[in-house]
């Protein structure tokens, strides 16, 4: 798993996608600069976008995947899937 720290706001994110989620597009907004078309979200905006702080203080996305670890089928098995392998 990768992580990212924003050079603008200094917040740390548990994934690259969490970092991207904290970027707010400013295109078409007052003061828009084509070379710098986003700003950092506030903590309230990040929570509204599905991010939360973990025990380390890093921002992480709320779990939304249906993938689960299974003792029978290994990592990435769909929840409720049937193991068709030989035992």
Protein backbone atom coordinates (compact mmCIF):
# COMPACT_ATOMS: atom_id res chain seq x y z
CA UNK A 1 0.00 0.00 0.00
CA UNK A 2 1.28 3.45 -0.77
CA UNK A 3 0.88 6.64 1.21
CA UNK A 4 1.24 10.32 0.37
CA UNK A 5 1.94 13.58 2.19
CA UNK A 6 0.65 16.81 0.68
CA UNK A 7 3.39 19.41 0.25
CA UNK A 8 0.81 22.20 0.51
CA UNK A 9 -1.16 21.35 3.67
CA UNK A 10 1.18 18.77 5.25
CA UNK A 11 -1.58 16.18 5.77
CA UNK A 12 -0.68 12.50 5.29
CA UNK A 13 -2.95 10.10 3.43
CA UNK A 14 -3.00 6.30 3.65
CA UNK A 15 -3.28 5.98 -0.13
CA UNK A 16 -2.72 7.90 -3.32
CA UNK A 17 -6.46 7.87 -4.00
CA UNK A 18 -7.10 9.49 -0.61
CA UNK A 19 -4.62 12.22 -1.52
CA UNK A 20 -6.40 12.82 -4.83
CA UNK A 21 -9.76 12.90 -3.03
CA UNK A 22 -8.52 15.80 -0.85
CA UNK A 23 -7.90 17.99 -3.90
CA UNK A 24 -10.69 20.47 -4.61
CA UNK A 25 -10.87 21.70 -8.22
CA UNK A 26 -10.84 25.49 -8.54
CA UNK A 27 -11.44 25.64 -12.30
CA UNK A 28 -13.83 28.50 -13.03
CA UNK A 29 -13.68 29.84 -9.46
CA UNK A 30 -12.63 33.42 -8.62
CA UNK A 31 -8.84 33.72 -8.74
CA UNK A 32 -8.52 30.59 -10.92
CA UNK A 33 -4.96 30.02 -12.16
CA UNK A 34 -4.57 27.52 -15.02
CA UNK A 35 -1.16 26.45 -13.66
CA UNK A 36 -2.62 25.65 -10.24
CA UNK A 37 -6.19 24.45 -10.65
CA UNK A 38 -6.83 22.85 -7.24
CA UNK A 39 -6.63 23.59 -3.53
CA UNK A 40 -6.49 21.40 -0.43
CA UNK A 41 -9.80 20.43 1.15
CA UNK A 42 -10.52 21.46 4.72
CA UNK A 43 -10.90 18.71 7.35
CA UNK A 44 -14.72 19.09 7.16
CA UNK A 45 -14.60 18.76 3.37
CA UNK A 46 -12.38 15.67 3.62
CA UNK A 47 -14.83 14.00 6.03
CA UNK A 48 -17.70 14.85 3.65
CA UNK A 49 -15.70 13.16 0.87
CA UNK A 50 -15.48 9.90 2.84
CA UNK A 51 -12.06 10.35 4.47
CA UNK A 52 -11.39 9.86 8.18
CA UNK A 53 -8.33 10.00 10.45
CA UNK A 54 -6.83 6.73 11.65
CA UNK A 55 -4.96 6.13 14.91
CA UNK A 56 -1.75 7.61 13.38
CA UNK A 57 -3.58 10.78 12.33
CA UNK A 58 -3.42 9.84 8.64
CA UNK A 59 -6.42 10.43 6.42
CA UNK A 60 -7.92 7.23 4.98
CA UNK A 61 -10.91 6.39 2.84
CA UNK A 62 -13.81 4.58 4.45
CA UNK A 63 -13.88 0.91 3.45
CA UNK A 64 -16.10 0.38 0.43
CA UNK A 65 -14.75 -2.82 -1.08
CA UNK A 66 -16.58 -6.13 -0.96
CA UNK A 67 -13.28 -8.02 -1.05
CA UNK A 68 -12.46 -9.94 2.13
CA UNK A 69 -9.67 -12.18 3.34
CA UNK A 70 -10.74 -15.80 3.56
CA UNK A 71 -8.86 -18.62 5.27
CA UNK A 72 -10.08 -21.03 2.58
CA UNK A 73 -9.57 -19.00 -0.58
CA UNK A 74 -6.90 -16.45 0.35
CA UNK A 75 -6.82 -12.70 -0.14
CA UNK A 76 -9.25 -11.10 -2.57
CA UNK A 77 -12.03 -13.68 -2.44
CA UNK A 78 -15.47 -12.24 -2.97
CA UNK A 79 -17.55 -12.40 0.17
CA UNK A 80 -19.87 -15.39 -0.11
CA UNK A 81 -17.84 -16.97 -2.93
CA UNK A 82 -17.40 -20.71 -3.13
CA UNK A 83 -13.93 -22.28 -3.03
CA UNK A 84 -13.78 -24.68 -5.98
CA UNK A 85 -10.15 -25.67 -5.35
CA UNK A 86 -9.04 -29.05 -4.08
CA UNK A 87 -8.28 -29.41 -0.41
